[in-house]
Amino acid sequence: MPDIHHIPLRTNAGQLTDLSSFDSKVLLVVNVASKCGLTPQYEGLQKLYERKRDEGLEIIAFPANNFKGQEPGTNEEIRAFCETQYGVTFPLFSKISVAGDDQHPLYGALTEAQPYSTGEGPMRQRLTERGVQVNPAPGVLWNFEKFLIGRDGVVLERFSPDVTADDARLTTAIDRALATSK
């Protein structure tokens, strides 16, 4: 599996980069969308970021349009929406694909490292009951799925889209990861 810190990425402004500048940080990687029923999670993610950033947490957001076209905007429109509607200050990257034949290599590495997510059952069932064809594991289920990466770059855990930023399962895992020094 490739070192996730060195997979090529683009910032929301289009600059080529990677995650190496976040080396020694705990990362929460989230695929996001602006027109999803889960979009209000931006608010909780921003609050979590404000509480835990000084301890070494970075929330990294990747807009994706993989699920029912719920992220149709340009990178500029997405950034403006996040800043004005939710006051987002955590890093936003360029829109990527998190599932399917054109899945970005970062998400290939994340799903390979953690094929199953905590809390997945209820969300998968709700989507299926609504007639939504969902990706089988290890594919990303929906918008706002979360991957927790330790300071050493190891993918520690994966959380279902409906596990919110204040969910004890997520906050406990983040606190555990932050307590571990590199």
N, C-alpha and C. Protein backbone atom coordinates (compact mmCIF):
# COMPACT_ATOMS: atom_id res chain seq x y z
N MET A 1 0.84 -1.17 0.00
CA MET A 1 0.00 0.00 0.00
C MET A 1 0.89 1.24 0.00
N PRO A 2 0.55 2.25 -0.82
CA PRO A 2 1.39 3.44 -0.88
C PRO A 2 1.30 4.25 0.41
N ASP A 3 2.36 5.00 0.68
CA ASP A 3 2.38 5.91 1.80
C ASP A 3 1.38 7.03 1.49
N ILE A 4 0.35 7.16 2.28
CA ILE A 4 -0.70 8.15 1.97
C ILE A 4 -0.19 9.58 1.98
N HIS A 5 0.90 9.83 2.70
CA HIS A 5 1.44 11.19 2.77
C HIS A 5 2.04 11.65 1.44
N HIS A 6 2.31 10.73 0.52
CA HIS A 6 2.99 11.09 -0.73
C HIS A 6 2.14 10.84 -1.98
N ILE A 7 0.87 10.59 -1.83
CA ILE A 7 -0.02 10.44 -2.98
C ILE A 7 -0.30 11.85 -3.52
N PRO A 8 -0.10 12.08 -4.81
CA PRO A 8 -0.33 13.42 -5.36
C PRO A 8 -1.80 13.85 -5.23
N LEU A 9 -1.98 15.10 -4.82
CA LEU A 9 -3.30 15.70 -4.62
C LEU A 9 -3.27 17.12 -5.15
N ARG A 10 -4.44 17.71 -5.25
CA ARG A 10 -4.54 19.13 -5.61
C ARG A 10 -5.32 19.86 -4.52
N THR A 11 -4.84 21.03 -4.17
CA THR A 11 -5.57 21.85 -3.21
C THR A 11 -6.84 22.36 -3.87
N ASN A 12 -7.70 22.96 -3.09
CA ASN A 12 -8.93 23.53 -3.64
C ASN A 12 -8.62 24.61 -4.67
N ALA A 13 -7.47 25.25 -4.55
CA ALA A 13 -7.05 26.28 -5.50
C ALA A 13 -6.34 25.70 -6.72
N GLY A 14 -6.16 24.37 -6.74
CA GLY A 14 -5.58 23.71 -7.90
C GLY A 14 -4.09 23.46 -7.85
N GLN A 15 -3.43 23.77 -6.74
CA GLN A 15 -1.99 23.55 -6.64
C GLN A 15 -1.69 22.08 -6.35
N LEU A 16 -0.68 21.54 -7.04
CA LEU A 16 -0.25 20.16 -6.81
C LEU A 16 0.42 20.07 -5.44
N THR A 17 0.04 19.07 -4.67
CA THR A 17 0.57 18.90 -3.32
C THR A 17 0.44 17.44 -2.91
N ASP A 18 0.67 17.17 -1.66
CA ASP A 18 0.40 15.87 -1.04
C ASP A 18 0.16 16.12 0.44
N LEU A 19 0.04 15.08 1.21
CA LEU A 19 -0.27 15.25 2.64
C LEU A 19 0.98 15.29 3.52
N SER A 20 2.17 15.36 2.92
CA SER A 20 3.39 15.32 3.71
C SER A 20 3.50 16.50 4.68
N SER A 21 2.85 17.62 4.36
CA SER A 21 2.89 18.76 5.28
C SER A 21 2.10 18.47 6.56
N PHE A 22 1.32 17.41 6.56
CA PHE A 22 0.56 17.01 7.74
C PHE A 22 1.22 15.85 8.48
N ASP A 23 2.46 15.52 8.08
CA ASP A 23 3.20 14.46 8.74
C ASP A 23 3.27 14.78 10.24
N SER A 24 3.06 13.80 11.05
CA SER A 24 3.04 13.87 12.52
C SER A 24 1.72 14.43 13.07
N LYS A 25 0.76 14.69 12.21
CA LYS A 25 -0.58 15.11 12.64
C LYS A 25 -1.52 13.90 12.59
N VAL A 26 -2.58 13.96 13.36
CA VAL A 26 -3.67 13.01 13.24
C VAL A 26 -4.62 13.59 12.21
N LEU A 27 -4.99 12.80 11.21
CA LEU A 27 -5.84 13.28 10.14
C LEU A 27 -7.21 12.63 10.19
N LEU A 28 -8.23 13.43 9.95
CA LEU A 28 -9.57 12.91 9.73
C LEU A 28 -9.91 13.30 8.30
N VAL A 29 -9.92 12.32 7.41
CA VAL A 29 -10.18 12.53 5.99
C VAL A 29 -11.66 12.27 5.74
N VAL A 30 -12.34 13.26 5.13
CA VAL A 30 -13.78 13.18 4.94
C VAL A 30 -14.12 13.53 3.50
N ASN A 31 -14.91 12.68 2.83
CA ASN A 31 -15.44 13.05 1.52
C ASN A 31 -16.74 13.81 1.75
N VAL A 32 -16.84 14.99 1.17
CA VAL A 32 -17.93 15.92 1.49
C VAL A 32 -18.75 16.26 0.25
N ALA A 33 -19.94 16.79 0.50
CA ALA A 33 -20.84 17.22 -0.57
C ALA A 33 -21.73 18.34 -0.05
N SER A 34 -22.02 19.30 -0.90
CA SER A 34 -22.77 20.50 -0.51
C SER A 34 -24.28 20.35 -0.58
N LYS A 35 -24.77 19.33 -1.29
CA LYS A 35 -26.22 19.21 -1.50
C LYS A 35 -26.74 17.87 -0.98
N CYS A 36 -26.21 17.45 0.13
CA CYS A 36 -26.53 16.15 0.73
C CYS A 36 -27.29 16.38 2.03
N GLY A 37 -28.11 15.44 2.40
CA GLY A 37 -28.79 15.52 3.68
C GLY A 37 -27.83 15.56 4.86
N LEU A 38 -26.60 15.11 4.64
CA LEU A 38 -25.59 15.10 5.70
C LEU A 38 -24.71 16.36 5.69
N THR A 39 -24.95 17.27 4.75
CA THR A 39 -24.13 18.48 4.63
C THR A 39 -24.02 19.27 5.93
N PRO A 40 -25.06 19.34 6.77
CA PRO A 40 -24.91 20.05 8.05
C PRO A 40 -23.78 19.51 8.93
N GLN A 41 -23.23 18.34 8.60
CA GLN A 41 -22.09 17.83 9.37
C GLN A 41 -20.89 18.77 9.29
N TYR A 42 -20.83 19.62 8.28
CA TYR A 42 -19.75 20.61 8.22
C TYR A 42 -19.65 21.39 9.53
N GLU A 43 -20.78 21.73 10.09
CA GLU A 43 -20.79 22.52 11.33
C GLU A 43 -20.08 21.77 12.47
N GLY A 44 -20.44 20.50 12.65
CA GLY A 44 -19.81 19.71 13.70
C GLY A 44 -18.34 19.45 13.43
N LEU A 45 -17.99 19.24 12.16
CA LEU A 45 -16.58 19.04 11.81
C LEU A 45 -15.77 20.29 12.12
N GLN A 46 -16.32 21.47 11.82
CA GLN A 46 -15.61 22.72 12.11
C GLN A 46 -15.42 22.89 13.63
N LYS A 47 -16.45 22.58 14.41
CA LYS A 47 -16.33 22.68 15.87
C LYS A 47 -15.27 21.71 16.40
N LEU A 48 -15.27 20.49 15.87
CA LEU A 48 -14.27 19.50 16.27
C LEU A 48 -12.87 20.01 15.92
N TYR A 49 -12.72 20.56 14.74
CA TYR A 49 -11.44 21.10 14.29
C TYR A 49 -10.97 22.21 15.24
N GLU A 50 -11.85 23.11 15.59
CA GLU A 50 -11.49 24.20 16.49
C GLU A 50 -11.07 23.68 17.86
N ARG A 51 -11.72 22.63 18.34
CA ARG A 51 -11.40 22.07 19.67
C ARG A 51 -10.09 21.29 19.68
N LYS A 52 -9.79 20.59 18.58
CA LYS A 52 -8.69 19.63 18.61
C LYS A 52 -7.48 20.00 17.75
N ARG A 53 -7.56 21.08 17.00
CA ARG A 53 -6.46 21.43 16.11
C ARG A 53 -5.15 21.65 16.87
N ASP A 54 -5.19 22.37 17.98
CA ASP A 54 -3.98 22.65 18.73
C ASP A 54 -3.36 21.39 19.34
N GLU A 55 -4.15 20.32 19.43
CA GLU A 55 -3.62 19.05 19.93
C GLU A 55 -3.00 18.22 18.80
N GLY A 56 -3.20 18.66 17.55
CA GLY A 56 -2.59 17.95 16.42
C GLY A 56 -3.56 17.31 15.45
N LEU A 57 -4.85 17.64 15.54
CA LEU A 57 -5.83 17.10 14.59
C LEU A 57 -5.96 18.01 13.39
N GLU A 58 -5.95 17.43 12.22
CA GLU A 58 -6.26 18.14 10.98
C GLU A 58 -7.43 17.42 10.32
N ILE A 59 -8.44 18.16 9.97
CA ILE A 59 -9.55 17.61 9.20
C ILE A 59 -9.29 17.99 7.75
N ILE A 60 -9.33 17.02 6.88
CA ILE A 60 -9.02 17.20 5.47
C ILE A 60 -10.26 16.81 4.68
N ALA A 61 -10.81 17.74 3.92
CA ALA A 61 -12.07 17.49 3.20
C ALA A 61 -11.82 17.35 1.70
N PHE A 62 -12.44 16.33 1.13
CA PHE A 62 -12.37 16.06 -0.31
C PHE A 62 -13.77 16.06 -0.89
N PRO A 63 -14.16 17.14 -1.55
CA PRO A 63 -15.46 17.15 -2.21
C PRO A 63 -15.51 16.04 -3.27
N ALA A 64 -16.66 15.39 -3.36
CA ALA A 64 -16.84 14.30 -4.33
C ALA A 64 -18.28 14.31 -4.83
N ASN A 65 -18.44 14.04 -6.10
CA ASN A 65 -19.76 14.06 -6.73
C ASN A 65 -20.24 12.65 -7.07
N ASN A 66 -19.79 11.66 -6.31
CA ASN A 66 -20.08 10.27 -6.62
C ASN A 66 -21.49 9.80 -6.25
N PHE A 67 -22.16 10.51 -5.39
CA PHE A 67 -23.41 10.01 -4.85
C PHE A 67 -24.57 10.93 -5.21
N LYS A 68 -25.33 10.51 -6.22
CA LYS A 68 -26.52 11.23 -6.69
C LYS A 68 -26.23 12.68 -7.07
N GLY A 69 -25.02 12.95 -7.54
CA GLY A 69 -24.68 14.29 -8.01
C GLY A 69 -24.80 15.36 -6.95
N GLN A 70 -24.47 15.02 -5.69
CA GLN A 70 -24.69 15.95 -4.58
C GLN A 70 -23.55 16.95 -4.36
N GLU A 71 -22.56 16.91 -5.24
CA GLU A 71 -21.50 17.94 -5.20
C GLU A 71 -21.22 18.42 -6.61
N PRO A 72 -22.17 19.18 -7.19
CA PRO A 72 -22.05 19.59 -8.58
C PRO A 72 -21.16 20.81 -8.82
N GLY A 73 -20.82 21.54 -7.79
CA GLY A 73 -20.12 22.81 -7.95
C GLY A 73 -18.67 22.70 -8.36
N THR A 74 -18.12 23.85 -8.74
CA THR A 74 -16.68 23.95 -9.02
C THR A 74 -15.95 24.04 -7.69
N ASN A 75 -14.63 23.90 -7.73
CA ASN A 75 -13.85 24.03 -6.51
C ASN A 75 -14.07 25.39 -5.85
N GLU A 76 -14.14 26.44 -6.65
CA GLU A 76 -14.35 27.78 -6.11
C GLU A 76 -15.73 27.90 -5.45
N GLU A 77 -16.76 27.36 -6.10
CA GLU A 77 -18.11 27.40 -5.54
C GLU A 77 -18.18 26.60 -4.24
N ILE A 78 -17.51 25.47 -4.21
CA ILE A 78 -17.51 24.62 -3.01
C ILE A 78 -16.84 25.37 -1.86
N ARG A 79 -15.68 25.96 -2.12
CA ARG A 79 -14.97 26.71 -1.08
C ARG A 79 -15.84 27.85 -0.54
N ALA A 80 -16.44 28.62 -1.44
CA ALA A 80 -17.29 29.74 -1.03
C ALA A 80 -18.46 29.25 -0.19
N PHE A 81 -19.10 28.16 -0.60
CA PHE A 81 -20.22 27.59 0.15
C PHE A 81 -19.77 27.19 1.56
N CYS A 82 -18.67 26.47 1.65
CA CYS A 82 -18.19 25.99 2.95
C CYS A 82 -17.83 27.13 3.89
N GLU A 83 -17.19 28.15 3.34
CA GLU A 83 -16.79 29.29 4.17
C GLU A 83 -17.98 30.13 4.61
N THR A 84 -18.90 30.41 3.69
CA THR A 84 -20.01 31.31 4.03
C THR A 84 -21.11 30.60 4.81
N GLN A 85 -21.42 29.37 4.48
CA GLN A 85 -22.52 28.67 5.15
C GLN A 85 -22.11 28.03 6.48
N TYR A 86 -20.85 27.55 6.57
CA TYR A 86 -20.44 26.80 7.76
C TYR A 86 -19.17 27.32 8.42
N GLY A 87 -18.57 28.39 7.89
CA GLY A 87 -17.36 28.94 8.49
C GLY A 87 -16.18 27.99 8.48
N VAL A 88 -16.13 27.11 7.49
CA VAL A 88 -15.09 26.09 7.43
C VAL A 88 -13.71 26.73 7.27
N THR A 89 -12.80 26.33 8.13
CA THR A 89 -11.41 26.77 8.05
C THR A 89 -10.44 25.60 7.87
N PHE A 90 -10.93 24.38 7.96
CA PHE A 90 -10.03 23.23 7.74
C PHE A 90 -9.77 23.09 6.24
N PRO A 91 -8.68 22.41 5.87
CA PRO A 91 -8.29 22.33 4.46
C PRO A 91 -9.30 21.61 3.57
N LEU A 92 -9.62 22.26 2.46
CA LEU A 92 -10.44 21.68 1.40
C LEU A 92 -9.53 21.38 0.21
N PHE A 93 -9.69 20.23 -0.36
CA PHE A 93 -8.92 19.86 -1.54
C PHE A 93 -9.82 19.91 -2.77
N SER A 94 -9.22 19.73 -3.94
CA SER A 94 -9.99 19.71 -5.18
C SER A 94 -10.94 18.53 -5.19
N LYS A 95 -12.02 18.69 -5.92
CA LYS A 95 -13.01 17.63 -6.06
C LYS A 95 -12.35 16.41 -6.70
N ILE A 96 -12.63 15.24 -6.13
CA ILE A 96 -12.08 13.98 -6.64
C ILE A 96 -13.20 12.95 -6.69
N SER A 97 -12.87 11.80 -7.24
CA SER A 97 -13.79 10.66 -7.19
C SER A 97 -13.33 9.74 -6.06
N VAL A 98 -14.27 9.36 -5.20
CA VAL A 98 -13.94 8.48 -4.08
C VAL A 98 -14.42 7.05 -4.29
N ALA A 99 -15.07 6.80 -5.42
CA ALA A 99 -15.61 5.46 -5.70
C ALA A 99 -15.66 5.25 -7.20
N GLY A 100 -15.72 3.99 -7.60
CA GLY A 100 -15.88 3.69 -9.02
C GLY A 100 -14.56 3.51 -9.76
N ASP A 101 -14.67 3.40 -11.07
CA ASP A 101 -13.50 3.15 -11.90
C ASP A 101 -12.49 4.29 -11.87
N ASP A 102 -12.94 5.49 -11.58
CA ASP A 102 -12.04 6.64 -11.55
C ASP A 102 -11.68 7.06 -10.12
N GLN A 103 -11.78 6.13 -9.18
CA GLN A 103 -11.47 6.42 -7.78
C GLN A 103 -10.05 6.96 -7.66
N HIS A 104 -9.92 8.04 -6.90
CA HIS A 104 -8.60 8.63 -6.66
C HIS A 104 -7.73 7.64 -5.88
N PRO A 105 -6.42 7.60 -6.16
CA PRO A 105 -5.53 6.68 -5.45
C PRO A 105 -5.56 6.83 -3.93
N LEU A 106 -5.79 8.04 -3.42
CA LEU A 106 -5.89 8.20 -1.97
C LEU A 106 -7.01 7.35 -1.42
N TYR A 107 -8.17 7.39 -2.06
CA TYR A 107 -9.30 6.62 -1.56
C TYR A 107 -9.13 5.12 -1.82
N GLY A 108 -8.38 4.77 -2.84
CA GLY A 108 -8.03 3.37 -3.03
C GLY A 108 -7.21 2.86 -1.86
N ALA A 109 -6.23 3.66 -1.43
CA ALA A 109 -5.38 3.28 -0.30
C ALA A 109 -6.17 3.26 1.01
N LEU A 110 -7.04 4.24 1.21
CA LEU A 110 -7.83 4.29 2.45
C LEU A 110 -8.77 3.10 2.57
N THR A 111 -9.49 2.79 1.50
CA THR A 111 -10.45 1.68 1.57
C THR A 111 -9.75 0.33 1.64
N GLU A 112 -8.56 0.25 1.04
CA GLU A 112 -7.79 -1.00 1.16
C GLU A 112 -7.33 -1.20 2.61
N ALA A 113 -6.90 -0.12 3.25
CA ALA A 113 -6.41 -0.20 4.62
C ALA A 113 -7.52 -0.49 5.62
N GLN A 114 -8.70 0.08 5.39
CA GLN A 114 -9.84 -0.11 6.29
C GLN A 114 -11.08 -0.44 5.45
N PRO A 115 -11.29 -1.72 5.12
CA PRO A 115 -12.40 -2.07 4.24
C PRO A 115 -13.79 -1.93 4.87
N TYR A 116 -13.89 -1.88 6.18
CA TYR A 116 -15.19 -1.79 6.83
C TYR A 116 -15.22 -0.60 7.78
N SER A 117 -16.40 -0.03 7.96
CA SER A 117 -16.51 1.16 8.80
C SER A 117 -17.34 0.91 10.04
N THR A 118 -16.98 1.62 11.09
CA THR A 118 -17.74 1.62 12.33
C THR A 118 -19.07 2.31 12.08
N GLY A 119 -20.15 1.70 12.53
CA GLY A 119 -21.47 2.31 12.44
C GLY A 119 -22.14 2.17 11.09
N GLU A 120 -21.64 1.33 10.21
CA GLU A 120 -22.13 1.28 8.84
C GLU A 120 -23.54 0.73 8.67
N GLY A 121 -23.94 -0.24 9.44
CA GLY A 121 -25.19 -0.95 9.22
C GLY A 121 -26.42 -0.08 9.02
N PRO A 122 -26.75 0.81 9.95
CA PRO A 122 -27.98 1.61 9.81
C PRO A 122 -28.01 2.48 8.55
N MET A 123 -26.92 3.11 8.20
CA MET A 123 -26.89 3.97 7.01
C MET A 123 -27.08 3.14 5.75
N ARG A 124 -26.38 2.03 5.67
CA ARG A 124 -26.51 1.14 4.51
C ARG A 124 -27.95 0.68 4.36
N GLN A 125 -28.57 0.32 5.47
CA GLN A 125 -29.96 -0.16 5.44
C GLN A 125 -30.91 0.94 4.98
N ARG A 126 -30.74 2.16 5.51
CA ARG A 126 -31.62 3.28 5.11
C ARG A 126 -31.49 3.57 3.62
N LEU A 127 -30.27 3.59 3.11
CA LEU A 127 -30.07 3.85 1.68
C LEU A 127 -30.72 2.76 0.83
N THR A 128 -30.52 1.52 1.22
CA THR A 128 -31.09 0.39 0.49
C THR A 128 -32.62 0.44 0.50
N GLU A 129 -33.19 0.76 1.67
CA GLU A 129 -34.65 0.86 1.77
C GLU A 129 -35.21 1.96 0.88
N ARG A 130 -34.42 2.98 0.60
CA ARG A 130 -34.84 4.07 -0.27
C ARG A 130 -34.56 3.79 -1.74
N GLY A 131 -34.13 2.58 -2.02
CA GLY A 131 -33.88 2.18 -3.39
C GLY A 131 -32.56 2.66 -3.97
N VAL A 132 -31.65 3.11 -3.12
CA VAL A 132 -30.34 3.58 -3.57
C VAL A 132 -29.41 2.38 -3.69
N GLN A 133 -28.81 2.25 -4.86
CA GLN A 133 -27.83 1.19 -5.04
C GLN A 133 -26.53 1.64 -4.39
N VAL A 134 -26.07 0.90 -3.40
CA VAL A 134 -24.88 1.29 -2.65
C VAL A 134 -23.69 0.43 -3.03
N ASN A 135 -22.52 0.99 -2.83
CA ASN A 135 -21.28 0.26 -3.09
C ASN A 135 -21.10 -0.82 -2.04
N PRO A 136 -20.74 -2.03 -2.47
CA PRO A 136 -20.41 -3.05 -1.47
C PRO A 136 -19.08 -2.70 -0.81
N ALA A 137 -18.87 -3.18 0.41
CA ALA A 137 -17.58 -2.99 1.07
C ALA A 137 -16.51 -3.62 0.19
N PRO A 138 -15.38 -3.01 0.06
CA PRO A 138 -14.85 -1.89 0.82
C PRO A 138 -15.15 -0.51 0.24
N GLY A 139 -16.01 -0.41 -0.76
CA GLY A 139 -16.30 0.88 -1.38
C GLY A 139 -16.87 1.88 -0.41
N VAL A 140 -16.61 3.16 -0.69
CA VAL A 140 -17.17 4.23 0.13
C VAL A 140 -18.69 4.19 0.00
N LEU A 141 -19.37 4.24 1.13
CA LEU A 141 -20.82 4.10 1.16
C LEU A 141 -21.54 5.35 0.66
N TRP A 142 -21.12 6.54 1.15
CA TRP A 142 -21.85 7.77 0.85
C TRP A 142 -20.99 8.96 1.22
N ASN A 143 -21.53 10.14 1.06
CA ASN A 143 -20.85 11.37 1.46
C ASN A 143 -20.63 11.37 2.98
N PHE A 144 -19.59 12.02 3.40
CA PHE A 144 -19.23 12.22 4.80
C PHE A 144 -18.76 10.95 5.50
N GLU A 145 -18.21 10.02 4.74
CA GLU A 145 -17.51 8.90 5.36
C GLU A 145 -16.18 9.43 5.88
N LYS A 146 -15.71 8.90 6.99
CA LYS A 146 -14.54 9.45 7.65
C LYS A 146 -13.46 8.38 7.87
N PHE A 147 -12.22 8.76 7.59
CA PHE A 147 -11.06 7.89 7.82
C PHE A 147 -10.15 8.59 8.80
N LEU A 148 -9.77 7.89 9.86
CA LEU A 148 -8.87 8.43 10.88
C LEU A 148 -7.48 7.85 10.65
N ILE A 149 -6.51 8.75 10.50
CA ILE A 149 -5.14 8.36 10.21
C ILE A 149 -4.25 8.84 11.34
N GLY A 150 -3.44 7.93 11.86
CA GLY A 150 -2.55 8.25 12.97
C GLY A 150 -1.38 9.11 12.55
N ARG A 151 -0.65 9.58 13.54
CA ARG A 151 0.50 10.45 13.30
C ARG A 151 1.57 9.77 12.43
N ASP A 152 1.57 8.45 12.43
CA ASP A 152 2.56 7.69 11.65
C ASP A 152 2.07 7.36 10.24
N GLY A 153 0.89 7.85 9.87
CA GLY A 153 0.36 7.61 8.54
C GLY A 153 -0.44 6.33 8.40
N VAL A 154 -0.65 5.62 9.48
CA VAL A 154 -1.42 4.39 9.45
C VAL A 154 -2.91 4.72 9.56
N VAL A 155 -3.71 4.11 8.67
CA VAL A 155 -5.16 4.31 8.71
C VAL A 155 -5.69 3.49 9.89
N LEU A 156 -6.16 4.19 10.90
CA LEU A 156 -6.56 3.55 12.16
C LEU A 156 -7.98 3.03 12.14
N GLU A 157 -8.90 3.86 11.68
CA GLU A 157 -10.32 3.50 11.71
C GLU A 157 -11.06 4.20 10.58
N ARG A 158 -12.24 3.70 10.33
CA ARG A 158 -13.13 4.25 9.30
C ARG A 158 -14.51 4.33 9.91
N PHE A 159 -15.21 5.44 9.62
CA PHE A 159 -16.51 5.67 10.23
C PHE A 159 -17.57 5.93 9.17
N SER A 160 -18.73 5.36 9.38
CA SER A 160 -19.87 5.51 8.48
C SER A 160 -20.25 6.99 8.34
N PRO A 161 -20.85 7.35 7.21
CA PRO A 161 -21.25 8.73 6.99
C PRO A 161 -22.14 9.32 8.08
N ASP A 162 -22.96 8.52 8.71
CA ASP A 162 -23.86 9.05 9.73
C ASP A 162 -23.26 9.05 11.14
N VAL A 163 -21.98 8.71 11.26
CA VAL A 163 -21.26 8.89 12.52
C VAL A 163 -20.79 10.35 12.51
N THR A 164 -21.40 11.16 13.36
CA THR A 164 -21.14 12.60 13.34
C THR A 164 -19.89 12.96 14.14
N ALA A 165 -19.47 14.20 14.02
CA ALA A 165 -18.24 14.68 14.66
C ALA A 165 -18.30 14.64 16.18
N ASP A 166 -19.49 14.60 16.75
CA ASP A 166 -19.60 14.53 18.21
C ASP A 166 -19.94 13.13 18.71
N ASP A 167 -19.96 12.16 17.83
CA ASP A 167 -20.24 10.77 18.20
C ASP A 167 -19.07 10.24 19.06
N ALA A 168 -19.39 9.64 20.18
CA ALA A 168 -18.37 9.16 21.11
C ALA A 168 -17.42 8.15 20.46
N ARG A 169 -17.91 7.35 19.52
CA ARG A 169 -17.02 6.38 18.86
C ARG A 169 -15.91 7.11 18.11
N LEU A 170 -16.25 8.22 17.46
CA LEU A 170 -15.27 8.99 16.71
C LEU A 170 -14.38 9.80 17.65
N THR A 171 -14.97 10.52 18.58
CA THR A 171 -14.16 11.39 19.45
C THR A 171 -13.21 10.58 20.33
N THR A 172 -13.64 9.40 20.77
CA THR A 172 -12.76 8.54 21.56
C THR A 172 -11.58 8.07 20.72
N ALA A 173 -11.83 7.68 19.48
CA ALA A 173 -10.76 7.24 18.59
C ALA A 173 -9.79 8.38 18.29
N ILE A 174 -10.32 9.59 18.09
CA ILE A 174 -9.46 10.75 17.84
C ILE A 174 -8.59 11.04 19.08
N ASP A 175 -9.19 11.04 20.24
CA ASP A 175 -8.43 11.30 21.47
C ASP A 175 -7.34 10.25 21.67
N ARG A 176 -7.65 9.01 21.38
CA ARG A 176 -6.66 7.93 21.50
C ARG A 176 -5.50 8.18 20.54
N ALA A 177 -5.82 8.56 19.29
CA ALA A 177 -4.79 8.82 18.30
C ALA A 177 -3.95 10.05 18.67
N LEU A 178 -4.59 11.08 19.19
CA LEU A 178 -3.85 12.27 19.59
C LEU A 178 -2.93 12.01 20.76
N ALA A 179 -3.29 11.07 21.61
CA ALA A 179 -2.45 10.75 22.78
C ALA A 179 -1.19 9.98 22.38
N THR A 180 -1.16 9.47 21.18
CA THR A 180 -0.01 8.70 20.70
C THR A 180 0.96 9.64 20.01
N SER A 181 2.18 9.67 20.50
CA SER A 181 3.19 10.53 19.85
C SER A 181 3.90 9.73 18.76
N LYS A 182 4.43 10.45 17.79
CA LYS A 182 5.12 9.80 16.67
C LYS A 182 6.51 9.40 17.08
